[in-house]
């Protein structure tokens, strides 16, 4: 196995006797064009998907909160998540200019519904503008993936990593929604990449790593698991000379990065409300023990720490889950890995696993292994301890780091490796494009593709309320005069889209005649299952809603 790669940027593409320097400008131009092409197709996929999808379950809460940030400078809504992600969404909301009366008295779910459907706003236009900043940020994170892989392996590896990222159905899905998952994961990846770069110039890159780490912490609290990892990598990146001196230097740099990250979190709250007016919610549960002590001692605003308490309270709730066709109560520690096996393209799984092995086996790549593999392992372990078995969005960082790891295969300079890698990247692209525009319910070929995902998984893996608008079009075109009974699991308002339907659970089963329309995430619920068993499936919408005839 050849070990000729360098960890310096671009060394893998350095000119040799067979590659004169006069060819470099053309190679750079081709590389730049390939990067633009990959990101352009990703942008088209995300924008065209965003245009057609109705609000998913979480989006109205974030969009409503972002609107309150803009109009009232208040932190009272959605305290369980820090403000930065919603401030990013607010950049698009500001352009849309929605109307919302001051001092709306409802809770955050009621706020989103009121903003979209009861305040005279156009929900299609508002949601598109709210999603566009997240789309732009997702494309920028693609450049980070590309740059990270370029630093490790050169141009070819960078294109492999970017290709996997740009065609990842999960990244396209959640990168085209006004939610917090991709921004949080992307900021973590950026902080790790900047820490890797700091090995040569810590004074330049470690302060930037602190900003990126702070941005992650100020977007979602589950990124706190990355804090000790990134700080440890700061020590590793600056480890030079005698052990005692190296440890002291690394600790000093890590402390500086931590202080910058904390400052970013504070700034995100102060931007919303410089006076930090905050009244804890009455329903906030009290917490005791080690978690309460750690939360109290964190150097973050009271609003952040109270948000953590709310999150801990949510973790105590016992929920129903669904995995591989089985309904269960509680949570499964292996849910996230099992769900990722369904939701990740097969080629990406193979390349990511092989790249991780190569990163550990090849001497010149081993220094990069802690930066790529350790954050992935720690964050995945954190996601596996959660009690919300709702979807792979809680582990959306995996395809980001997996794409970078896959680039390590290029270091094995054998023609068959290039052929296999290229073939698998092409397989990922074909698998992803064949799911267009239904990226949210994507499943790979081993699990039957998007049409079969609902047999394996539920919730935001399949049906997150995104196809209400498509359902309205389908009913209008194919079933204009039919009686409709609808059980929809989402945040959209069916009547706004012209759907006139009754709730099948409000009457006895013998009165339900005509079309029974059910969100696939609810199909396993006991009351609906009895109705479905005595009905005939005749149509489906977006691989997330099934139409039955009774």
Protein backbone atom coordinates (compact mmCIF):
# COMPACT_ATOMS: atom_id res chain seq x y z
CA UNK A 1 0.00 0.00 0.00
CA UNK A 2 1.58 3.24 -1.09
CA UNK A 3 1.89 6.03 1.46
CA UNK A 4 2.70 9.02 -0.69
CA UNK A 5 0.07 11.49 0.44
CA UNK A 6 0.97 14.61 2.34
CA UNK A 7 -1.08 16.43 4.93
CA UNK A 8 -0.14 19.79 3.45
CA UNK A 9 -2.81 21.38 1.28
CA UNK A 10 -2.57 20.42 -2.34
CA UNK A 11 0.62 18.35 -2.09
CA UNK A 12 -1.13 15.36 -3.61
CA UNK A 13 -1.54 17.42 -6.75
CA UNK A 14 1.99 18.81 -6.89
CA UNK A 15 3.68 18.78 -10.31
CA UNK A 16 6.01 15.91 -11.14
CA UNK A 17 8.11 14.92 -14.10
CA UNK A 18 4.97 13.64 -15.77
CA UNK A 19 2.89 16.65 -14.79
CA UNK A 20 4.64 19.92 -15.70
CA UNK A 21 3.82 23.11 -13.86
CA UNK A 22 2.27 24.66 -16.96
CA UNK A 23 -0.64 22.25 -16.55
CA UNK A 24 -1.46 23.48 -13.03
CA UNK A 25 -3.66 26.47 -14.06
CA UNK A 26 -5.84 24.16 -16.17
CA UNK A 27 -6.13 21.64 -13.35
CA UNK A 28 -7.08 24.39 -10.94
CA UNK A 29 -9.67 25.69 -13.36
CA UNK A 30 -11.16 22.22 -13.87
CA UNK A 31 -11.20 21.69 -10.11
CA UNK A 32 -12.98 25.01 -9.55
CA UNK A 33 -15.52 24.22 -12.26
CA UNK A 34 -16.20 20.80 -10.72
CA UNK A 35 -16.75 22.37 -7.30
CA UNK A 36 -19.14 24.92 -8.76
CA UNK A 37 -21.03 22.23 -10.67
CA UNK A 38 -21.47 20.02 -7.61
CA UNK A 39 -22.68 22.89 -5.44
CA UNK A 40 -24.91 24.20 -8.22
CA UNK A 41 -26.76 20.88 -8.55
CA UNK A 42 -27.10 20.77 -4.77
CA UNK A 43 -28.51 24.30 -4.75
CA UNK A 44 -31.03 23.40 -7.44
CA UNK A 45 -32.08 20.27 -5.52
CA UNK A 46 -32.54 22.19 -2.27
CA UNK A 47 -34.33 25.22 -3.71
CA UNK A 48 -36.73 23.23 -5.87
CA UNK A 49 -37.46 20.98 -2.90
CA UNK A 50 -38.02 23.95 -0.60
CA UNK A 51 -40.44 25.57 -3.04
CA UNK A 52 -42.79 22.56 -3.07
CA UNK A 53 -42.75 21.46 0.57
CA UNK A 54 -45.30 22.69 3.08
CA UNK A 55 -44.09 23.48 6.62
CA UNK A 56 -42.62 20.53 8.48
CA UNK A 57 -43.42 19.92 12.14
CA UNK A 58 -40.66 22.08 13.67
CA UNK A 59 -40.37 24.87 11.11
CA UNK A 60 -43.35 27.03 12.17
CA UNK A 61 -41.93 27.23 15.69
CA UNK A 62 -38.55 28.45 14.47
CA UNK A 63 -40.02 30.84 11.90
CA UNK A 64 -42.47 32.23 14.45
CA UNK A 65 -39.68 32.68 16.99
CA UNK A 66 -37.47 34.38 14.39
CA UNK A 67 -40.32 36.79 13.62
CA UNK A 68 -40.69 37.65 17.32
CA UNK A 69 -36.92 38.23 17.48
CA UNK A 70 -37.23 40.76 14.67
CA UNK A 71 -40.36 42.53 15.84
CA UNK A 72 -40.23 42.39 19.62
CA UNK A 73 -36.61 41.62 20.54
CA UNK A 74 -37.95 39.01 22.94
CA UNK A 75 -36.50 35.65 23.99
CA UNK A 76 -39.73 34.26 25.40
CA UNK A 77 -40.36 31.70 22.63
CA UNK A 78 -38.46 28.45 21.99
CA UNK A 79 -36.01 28.86 24.91
CA UNK A 80 -34.94 25.21 24.64
CA UNK A 81 -32.77 26.19 21.68
CA UNK A 82 -30.24 29.06 21.62
CA UNK A 83 -30.94 32.00 19.28
CA UNK A 84 -28.28 31.84 16.55
CA UNK A 85 -29.98 29.34 14.23
CA UNK A 86 -33.22 31.30 14.45
CA UNK A 87 -31.34 34.54 13.81
CA UNK A 88 -30.04 32.95 10.59
CA UNK A 89 -33.63 32.08 9.65
CA UNK A 90 -34.64 35.63 10.61
CA UNK A 91 -32.40 36.99 7.84
CA UNK A 92 -34.82 35.49 5.32
CA UNK A 93 -37.92 36.28 7.36
CA UNK A 94 -36.89 39.95 7.38
CA UNK A 95 -36.97 39.98 3.58
CA UNK A 96 -40.43 38.38 3.54
CA UNK A 97 -41.66 41.02 5.99
CA UNK A 98 -44.51 39.04 7.60
CA UNK A 99 -47.23 40.66 9.65
CA UNK A 100 -47.57 39.63 13.30
CA UNK A 101 -49.36 41.59 16.00
CA UNK A 102 -47.26 42.35 19.06
CA UNK A 103 -47.69 40.39 22.24
CA UNK A 104 -49.29 37.27 20.78
CA UNK A 105 -50.44 35.28 23.85
CA UNK A 106 -50.26 31.67 22.57
CA UNK A 107 -47.49 29.11 23.00
CA UNK A 108 -44.76 28.58 20.39
CA UNK A 109 -46.71 26.00 18.39
CA UNK A 110 -49.75 28.25 18.29
CA UNK A 111 -47.50 31.17 17.35
CA UNK A 112 -46.20 29.43 14.22
CA UNK A 113 -49.66 28.40 13.09
CA UNK A 114 -51.01 31.90 13.70
CA UNK A 115 -48.16 33.52 11.77
CA UNK A 116 -48.52 31.26 8.74
CA UNK A 117 -52.28 30.87 8.42
CA UNK A 118 -54.10 33.49 10.49
CA UNK A 119 -52.17 36.75 10.03
CA UNK A 120 -52.70 37.42 6.33
CA UNK A 121 -49.24 36.17 5.32
CA UNK A 122 -48.45 33.97 2.32
CA UNK A 123 -47.06 30.77 3.91
CA UNK A 124 -45.44 29.62 0.63
CA UNK A 125 -43.49 32.87 0.27
CA UNK A 126 -42.65 33.16 3.97
CA UNK A 127 -41.39 29.60 4.24
CA UNK A 128 -39.23 29.91 1.13
CA UNK A 129 -37.54 33.05 2.42
CA UNK A 130 -37.06 31.46 5.85
CA UNK A 131 -35.40 28.44 4.24
CA UNK A 132 -33.07 30.30 1.88
CA UNK A 133 -30.49 31.38 4.53
CA UNK A 134 -30.17 27.77 5.70
CA UNK A 135 -29.74 26.66 2.08
CA UNK A 136 -26.98 29.23 1.58
CA UNK A 137 -25.26 28.12 4.79
CA UNK A 138 -25.48 24.47 3.75
CA UNK A 139 -23.71 25.30 0.50
CA UNK A 140 -20.97 27.12 2.43
CA UNK A 141 -20.48 24.05 4.61
CA UNK A 142 -19.96 22.14 1.37
CA UNK A 143 -16.94 24.34 0.78
CA UNK A 144 -15.70 23.45 4.28
CA UNK A 145 -16.04 19.73 3.50
CA UNK A 146 -14.16 20.30 0.26
CA UNK A 147 -11.40 22.35 1.92
CA UNK A 148 -10.96 19.87 4.77
CA UNK A 149 -10.58 16.95 2.35
CA UNK A 150 -8.31 19.06 0.12
CA UNK A 151 -5.98 19.69 3.05
CA UNK A 152 -5.78 15.96 3.69
CA UNK A 153 -5.57 14.48 0.20
CA UNK A 154 -5.54 17.11 -2.52
CA UNK A 155 -7.97 17.94 -5.32
CA UNK A 156 -9.21 14.45 -6.17
CA UNK A 157 -10.04 13.63 -2.57
CA UNK A 158 -11.72 17.03 -2.18
CA UNK A 159 -14.03 16.27 -5.11
CA UNK A 160 -14.84 12.84 -3.69
CA UNK A 161 -15.80 14.39 -0.36
CA UNK A 162 -17.78 17.21 -1.92
CA UNK A 163 -19.56 14.79 -4.26
CA UNK A 164 -20.71 12.64 -1.34
CA UNK A 165 -21.81 15.72 0.60
CA UNK A 166 -23.60 17.36 -2.33
CA UNK A 167 -25.58 14.19 -3.12
CA UNK A 168 -26.35 13.20 0.48
CA UNK A 169 -30.18 12.98 0.69
CA UNK A 170 -30.18 13.74 4.41
CA UNK A 171 -28.05 16.86 3.96
CA UNK A 172 -30.17 18.04 1.02
CA UNK A 173 -33.34 17.40 3.03
CA UNK A 174 -32.44 19.18 6.23
CA UNK A 175 -30.31 21.78 4.48
CA UNK A 176 -33.42 22.95 2.63
CA UNK A 177 -35.55 23.42 5.76
CA UNK A 178 -35.76 26.30 8.22
CA UNK A 179 -34.43 24.12 11.04
CA UNK A 180 -31.31 23.98 13.19
CA UNK A 181 -29.77 20.56 12.55
CA UNK A 182 -27.52 21.24 9.54
CA UNK A 183 -26.35 24.67 10.79
CA UNK A 184 -25.31 23.16 14.14
CA UNK A 185 -23.50 20.20 12.54
CA UNK A 186 -21.83 22.42 9.95
CA UNK A 187 -20.47 24.79 12.59
CA UNK A 188 -19.00 21.82 14.50
CA UNK A 189 -17.31 20.56 11.33
CA UNK A 190 -15.96 24.05 10.63
CA UNK A 191 -14.50 24.34 14.13
CA UNK A 192 -12.76 20.96 13.75
CA UNK A 193 -11.36 21.87 10.32
CA UNK A 194 -10.01 25.19 11.61
CA UNK A 195 -8.43 23.39 14.56
CA UNK A 196 -6.74 21.02 12.11
CA UNK A 197 -5.40 23.98 10.15
CA UNK A 198 -4.15 25.55 13.39
CA UNK A 199 -1.34 22.99 13.56
CA UNK A 200 0.69 25.33 11.39
CA UNK A 201 -0.71 28.76 12.35
CA UNK A 202 -2.56 28.60 15.69
CA UNK A 203 -2.71 32.39 16.02
CA UNK A 204 -4.75 32.61 12.83
CA UNK A 205 -6.99 29.57 12.98
CA UNK A 206 -7.71 28.86 16.64
CA UNK A 207 -9.59 32.14 17.25
CA UNK A 208 -11.70 31.32 14.18
CA UNK A 209 -12.23 27.81 15.54
CA UNK A 210 -13.52 29.40 18.74
CA UNK A 211 -16.00 31.47 16.76
CA UNK A 212 -17.23 28.42 14.84
CA UNK A 213 -17.49 26.36 18.04
CA UNK A 214 -19.43 29.17 19.71
CA UNK A 215 -21.75 29.34 16.70
CA UNK A 216 -22.47 25.61 17.10
CA UNK A 217 -23.19 26.00 20.83
CA UNK A 218 -25.38 29.02 20.08
CA UNK A 219 -27.44 27.01 17.56
CA UNK A 220 -28.24 23.70 19.31
CA UNK A 221 -27.39 22.50 22.79
CA UNK A 222 -26.61 18.95 21.68
CA UNK A 223 -23.35 20.34 20.28
CA UNK A 224 -22.08 20.71 23.87
CA UNK A 225 -20.74 17.18 23.43
CA UNK A 226 -18.30 18.62 20.87
CA UNK A 227 -16.89 21.19 23.32
CA UNK A 228 -14.39 18.96 25.17
CA UNK A 229 -13.46 17.25 21.89
CA UNK A 230 -12.58 20.50 20.11
CA UNK A 231 -10.72 21.83 23.15
CA UNK A 232 -8.73 18.60 23.31
CA UNK A 233 -7.93 18.93 19.62
CA UNK A 234 -6.69 22.47 20.30
CA UNK A 235 -4.14 21.00 22.71
CA UNK A 236 -3.18 18.37 20.14
CA UNK A 237 -2.84 20.97 17.37
CA UNK A 238 -0.39 23.08 19.39
CA UNK A 239 1.62 20.21 20.91
CA UNK A 240 5.27 21.11 20.38
CA UNK A 241 8.46 20.68 22.41
CA UNK A 242 8.82 19.27 25.94
CA UNK A 243 5.70 17.73 27.45
CA UNK A 244 5.17 20.22 30.27
CA UNK A 245 5.62 23.22 28.01
CA UNK A 246 3.44 21.71 25.29
CA UNK A 247 0.69 20.95 27.79
CA UNK A 248 0.79 24.49 29.20
CA UNK A 249 0.71 26.00 25.71
CA UNK A 250 -2.15 23.76 24.62
CA UNK A 251 -4.14 24.50 27.77
CA UNK A 252 -3.68 28.23 27.21
CA UNK A 253 -4.90 27.99 23.62
CA UNK A 254 -7.84 25.76 24.59
CA UNK A 255 -8.83 28.25 27.28
CA UNK A 256 -8.75 31.06 24.73
CA UNK A 257 -10.89 29.08 22.29
CA UNK A 258 -13.37 28.29 25.08
CA UNK A 259 -13.62 31.96 26.06
CA UNK A 260 -14.27 32.98 22.46
CA UNK A 261 -16.96 30.30 22.15
CA UNK A 262 -18.64 31.48 25.35
CA UNK A 263 -18.52 35.07 24.08
CA UNK A 264 -20.27 34.04 20.85
CA UNK A 265 -23.06 32.37 22.84
CA UNK A 266 -23.54 35.49 24.96
CA UNK A 267 -23.51 37.67 21.83
CA UNK A 268 -26.27 35.60 20.21
CA UNK A 269 -28.57 36.34 23.16
CA UNK A 270 -27.59 40.00 23.41
CA UNK A 271 -28.30 40.56 19.71
CA UNK A 272 -31.90 39.50 20.31
CA UNK A 273 -32.40 41.34 23.60
CA UNK A 274 -29.56 43.54 24.91
CA UNK A 275 -31.29 43.71 28.31
CA UNK A 276 -31.76 39.94 28.54
CA UNK A 277 -35.31 40.18 29.86
CA UNK A 278 -36.24 36.64 30.75
CA UNK A 279 -38.94 34.97 32.77
CA UNK A 280 -38.56 31.19 33.12
CA UNK A 281 -41.62 29.28 31.88
CA UNK A 282 -43.99 28.17 34.61
CA UNK A 283 -43.99 24.60 33.30
CA UNK A 284 -40.19 24.28 33.42
CA UNK A 285 -39.32 21.20 35.42
CA UNK A 286 -36.87 21.37 38.31
CA UNK A 287 -33.70 19.33 38.13
CA UNK A 288 -31.43 17.96 40.84
CA UNK A 289 -28.19 16.05 41.00
CA UNK A 290 -25.07 16.22 38.85
CA UNK A 291 -26.81 17.57 35.71
CA UNK A 292 -28.31 20.44 37.69
CA UNK A 293 -24.93 21.26 39.23
CA UNK A 294 -23.14 21.21 35.86
CA UNK A 295 -25.85 23.33 34.26
CA UNK A 296 -25.67 25.90 37.05
CA UNK A 297 -21.90 26.28 36.73
CA UNK A 298 -21.79 26.72 32.96
CA UNK A 299 -20.63 30.26 32.03
CA UNK A 300 -23.62 30.89 29.74
CA UNK A 301 -26.60 33.24 30.10
CA UNK A 302 -29.41 32.20 32.44
CA UNK A 303 -31.60 31.79 29.35
CA UNK A 304 -29.21 29.18 27.96
CA UNK A 305 -29.04 27.26 31.22
CA UNK A 306 -32.81 27.31 31.63
CA UNK A 307 -33.08 26.05 28.07
CA UNK A 308 -30.87 23.13 29.05
CA UNK A 309 -33.20 22.34 31.94
CA UNK A 310 -36.12 22.31 29.52
CA UNK A 311 -34.21 19.92 27.27
CA UNK A 312 -33.43 17.64 30.21
CA UNK A 313 -37.11 17.66 31.07
CA UNK A 314 -38.00 16.61 27.53
CA UNK A 315 -35.53 13.74 27.79
CA UNK A 316 -37.50 12.37 30.74
CA UNK A 317 -40.66 11.92 28.66
CA UNK A 318 -41.39 8.33 27.62
CA UNK A 319 -42.34 8.22 23.95
CA UNK A 320 -43.40 5.66 21.39
CA UNK A 321 -40.86 4.72 18.74
CA UNK A 322 -40.77 2.76 15.48
CA UNK A 323 -37.83 0.93 14.00
CA UNK A 324 -37.65 -1.74 11.30
CA UNK A 325 -41.39 -2.35 11.39
CA UNK A 326 -41.67 -2.63 15.17
CA UNK A 327 -43.46 -0.18 17.45
CA UNK A 328 -41.97 0.15 20.92
CA UNK A 329 -42.18 2.33 24.02
CA UNK A 330 -39.17 4.28 25.24
CA UNK A 331 -35.93 4.58 23.27
CA UNK A 332 -33.38 2.20 21.76
CA UNK A 333 -29.69 2.91 22.23
CA UNK A 334 -28.95 1.59 18.72
CA UNK A 335 -31.70 3.59 16.99
CA UNK A 336 -29.42 6.14 15.32
CA UNK A 337 -26.94 3.64 13.78
CA UNK A 338 -29.85 1.46 12.61
CA UNK A 339 -31.63 4.44 11.07
CA UNK A 340 -28.44 5.69 9.41
CA UNK A 341 -28.07 2.31 7.70
CA UNK A 342 -31.42 2.98 6.02
CA UNK A 343 -31.00 6.68 5.28
CA UNK A 344 -27.40 6.79 4.04
CA UNK A 345 -26.58 5.86 0.41
CA UNK A 346 -24.81 2.51 0.20
CA UNK A 347 -21.86 3.98 -1.67
CA UNK A 348 -21.38 6.57 1.04
CA UNK A 349 -21.46 3.93 3.77
CA UNK A 350 -18.83 1.87 1.93
CA UNK A 351 -16.54 4.79 1.13
CA UNK A 352 -16.85 6.30 4.60
CA UNK A 353 -16.01 3.02 6.33
CA UNK A 354 -13.09 2.29 3.98
CA UNK A 355 -11.82 5.85 4.35
CA UNK A 356 -11.90 5.59 8.14
CA UNK A 357 -9.84 2.38 7.97
CA UNK A 358 -7.39 4.01 5.57
CA UNK A 359 -7.07 7.03 7.84
CA UNK A 360 -6.05 4.78 10.73
CA UNK A 361 -3.82 2.46 8.66
CA UNK A 362 -1.79 4.92 6.58
CA UNK A 363 0.96 6.53 8.61
CA UNK A 364 0.80 9.97 7.05
CA UNK A 365 -2.94 10.20 7.57
CA UNK A 366 -2.99 9.02 11.18
CA UNK A 367 -2.51 12.55 12.58
CA UNK A 368 -5.83 13.47 10.94
CA UNK A 369 -7.77 10.54 12.40
CA UNK A 370 -8.56 12.21 15.76
CA UNK A 371 -9.87 15.30 13.97
CA UNK A 372 -12.23 13.39 11.68
CA UNK A 373 -13.16 10.22 13.56
CA UNK A 374 -13.19 11.30 17.22
CA UNK A 375 -15.81 14.08 16.86
CA UNK A 376 -18.00 11.71 14.84
CA UNK A 377 -17.78 8.98 17.48
CA UNK A 378 -18.41 11.30 20.43
CA UNK A 379 -21.34 13.12 18.81
CA UNK A 380 -22.89 9.85 17.65
CA UNK A 381 -22.53 8.42 21.17
CA UNK A 382 -24.29 11.52 22.49
CA UNK A 383 -27.11 11.11 19.98
CA UNK A 384 -27.47 7.44 20.93
CA UNK A 385 -28.06 8.35 24.58
CA UNK A 386 -31.01 10.59 23.70
CA UNK A 387 -34.60 9.48 24.19
CA UNK A 388 -36.05 11.08 21.06
CA UNK A 389 -35.99 8.39 18.37
CA UNK A 390 -37.40 10.77 15.78
CA UNK A 391 -34.91 10.70 12.94
CA UNK A 392 -31.36 10.84 11.66
CA UNK A 393 -31.47 14.63 11.82
CA UNK A 394 -30.11 14.22 15.36
CA UNK A 395 -27.04 12.59 13.77
CA UNK A 396 -26.82 14.76 10.65
CA UNK A 397 -23.15 15.43 11.42
CA UNK A 398 -22.35 11.83 10.38
CA UNK A 399 -22.61 12.35 6.59
CA UNK A 400 -20.53 15.53 6.91
CA UNK A 401 -17.59 13.84 8.64
CA UNK A 402 -18.12 10.63 6.66
CA UNK A 403 -17.60 12.53 3.42
CA UNK A 404 -14.26 13.89 4.66
CA UNK A 405 -13.18 10.44 5.86
CA UNK A 406 -13.99 8.92 2.47
CA UNK A 407 -11.41 11.17 0.80
CA UNK A 408 -8.65 9.24 2.59
CA UNK A 409 -9.03 6.37 0.10
CA UNK A 410 -7.46 8.53 -2.60
CA UNK A 411 -4.16 8.31 -0.73
CA UNK A 412 -3.98 4.63 -1.73
CA UNK A 413 -2.49 5.34 -5.14
CA UNK A 414 -3.76 2.34 -7.05
CA UNK A 415 -5.77 2.55 -10.24
CA UNK A 416 -8.40 0.11 -8.96
CA UNK A 417 -8.97 2.34 -5.91
CA UNK A 418 -9.68 5.30 -8.19
CA UNK A 419 -12.05 3.21 -10.30
CA UNK A 420 -13.94 1.80 -7.30
CA UNK A 421 -14.13 5.20 -5.59
CA UNK A 422 -15.40 6.89 -8.73
CA UNK A 423 -17.96 4.14 -9.28
CA UNK A 424 -19.28 4.39 -5.73
CA UNK A 425 -19.53 8.20 -5.87
CA UNK A 426 -21.47 7.81 -9.13
CA UNK A 427 -23.71 5.22 -7.44
CA UNK A 428 -24.42 7.72 -4.64
CA UNK A 429 -25.26 10.41 -7.19
CA UNK A 430 -27.64 8.14 -9.11
CA UNK A 431 -29.31 6.93 -5.91
CA UNK A 432 -29.79 10.50 -4.73
CA UNK A 433 -31.04 11.87 -8.05
CA UNK A 434 -33.49 9.01 -8.42
CA UNK A 435 -35.17 10.15 -5.18
CA UNK A 436 -35.71 13.70 -6.47
CA UNK A 437 -37.71 15.61 -5.29
CA UNK A 438 -38.61 13.31 -2.38
CA UNK A 439 -35.36 13.48 -0.44
CA UNK A 440 -36.91 13.46 3.03
CA UNK A 441 -38.29 9.89 2.79
CA UNK A 442 -35.11 8.59 1.14
CA UNK A 443 -33.96 5.02 1.87
CA UNK A 444 -31.11 3.28 0.10
CA UNK A 445 -31.58 0.36 -2.28
CA UNK A 446 -30.96 -2.31 0.37
CA UNK A 447 -34.15 -1.17 2.12
CA UNK A 448 -36.28 -0.74 -0.99
CA UNK A 449 -35.84 2.96 -1.75
CA UNK A 450 -38.05 5.91 -0.72
CA UNK A 451 -41.32 4.09 -1.43
CA UNK A 452 -40.50 1.54 1.30
CA UNK A 453 -38.99 3.79 3.98
CA UNK A 454 -42.23 3.91 5.98
CA UNK A 455 -41.93 0.16 6.53
CA UNK A 456 -38.66 0.69 8.39
CA UNK A 457 -38.79 4.16 9.98
CA UNK A 458 -41.21 6.94 10.94
CA UNK A 459 -41.35 10.64 11.84
CA UNK A 460 -38.77 13.00 10.30
CA UNK A 461 -37.17 10.08 8.45
CA UNK A 462 -40.25 9.74 6.27
CA UNK A 463 -43.21 11.96 7.00
CA UNK A 464 -42.67 15.30 8.70
CA UNK A 465 -45.78 16.99 7.33
CA UNK A 466 -44.00 18.14 4.17
CA UNK A 467 -46.49 16.92 1.56
CA UNK A 468 -49.75 18.60 2.52
CA UNK A 469 -49.61 20.85 -0.54
CA UNK A 470 -48.97 17.88 -2.83
CA UNK A 471 -51.89 16.06 -1.22
CA UNK A 472 -54.17 18.99 -2.01
CA UNK A 473 -53.09 18.87 -5.66
CA UNK A 474 -53.62 15.10 -5.83
CA UNK A 475 -57.12 15.23 -4.34
CA UNK A 476 -58.10 18.08 -6.64
CA UNK A 477 -56.78 16.37 -9.78
CA UNK A 478 -57.80 12.73 -9.21
CA UNK A 479 -60.54 12.71 -6.57
CA UNK A 480 -62.44 16.00 -6.91
CA UNK A 481 -65.84 14.78 -5.66
CA UNK A 482 -64.81 12.15 -3.11
CA UNK A 483 -65.55 12.28 0.63
CA UNK A 484 -62.22 12.61 2.41
CA UNK A 485 -61.29 11.46 5.90
CA UNK A 486 -57.87 12.82 6.87
CA UNK A 487 -55.44 12.01 9.66
CA UNK A 488 -52.52 14.35 9.01
CA UNK A 489 -49.47 14.47 11.26
CA UNK A 490 -47.87 17.86 10.72
CA UNK A 491 -48.00 21.60 11.32
CA UNK A 492 -49.79 22.62 8.12
CA UNK A 493 -53.40 23.74 7.98
CA UNK A 494 -55.30 21.45 5.53
CA UNK A 495 -58.13 23.93 4.94
CA UNK A 496 -55.68 26.62 3.78
CA UNK A 497 -54.61 24.34 0.91
CA UNK A 498 -58.21 23.62 -0.05
CA UNK A 499 -58.54 20.22 1.63
CA UNK A 500 -62.02 19.63 3.00
CA UNK A 501 -61.82 16.57 5.22
CA UNK A 502 -63.12 15.04 8.44
CA UNK A 503 -61.25 13.34 11.24
CA UNK A 504 -61.85 9.55 11.02
CA UNK A 505 -61.28 9.11 14.76
CA UNK A 506 -64.26 11.26 15.75
CA UNK A 507 -66.87 8.81 14.43
CA UNK A 508 -67.42 5.06 14.55
CA UNK A 509 -65.50 3.03 11.94
CA UNK A 510 -68.67 2.03 10.07
CA UNK A 511 -69.28 5.69 9.23
CA UNK A 512 -65.91 6.14 7.50
CA UNK A 513 -66.63 5.70 3.79
CA UNK A 514 -64.79 7.20 0.81
CA UNK A 515 -61.12 8.15 0.93
CA UNK A 516 -59.09 7.57 4.07
CA UNK A 517 -55.91 9.67 3.90
CA UNK A 518 -53.25 8.91 6.52
CA UNK A 519 -49.79 10.30 7.23
CA UNK A 520 -47.44 7.33 7.15
CA UNK A 521 -45.95 8.29 10.51
CA UNK A 522 -49.33 7.63 12.11
CA UNK A 523 -50.24 4.45 10.23
CA UNK A 524 -49.08 2.16 13.02
CA UNK A 525 -51.20 3.89 15.69
CA UNK A 526 -53.78 1.46 17.05
CA UNK A 527 -57.02 3.36 16.24
CA UNK A 528 -55.93 4.02 12.65
CA UNK A 529 -54.47 0.55 12.13
CA UNK A 530 -57.93 -0.99 12.51
CA UNK A 531 -59.34 1.35 9.87
CA UNK A 532 -56.41 0.76 7.53
CA UNK A 533 -56.68 -3.02 7.82
CA UNK A 534 -60.21 -2.86 6.43
CA UNK A 535 -59.27 -0.43 3.62
CA UNK A 536 -57.54 -0.73 0.26
CA UNK A 537 -54.46 1.36 -0.53
CA UNK A 538 -55.02 3.08 -3.88
CA UNK A 539 -52.49 5.93 -4.02
CA UNK A 540 -49.61 7.61 -2.24
CA UNK A 541 -48.28 11.17 -2.11
CA UNK A 542 -44.58 11.95 -1.81
CA UNK A 543 -43.88 8.55 -0.21
CA UNK A 544 -45.18 10.07 3.03
CA UNK A 545 -49.01 10.01 2.78
CA UNK A 546 -51.11 7.01 1.76
CA UNK A 547 -54.63 7.21 0.30
CA UNK A 548 -56.97 4.31 1.06
CA UNK A 549 -60.49 3.57 -0.17
CA UNK A 550 -63.18 2.37 2.21
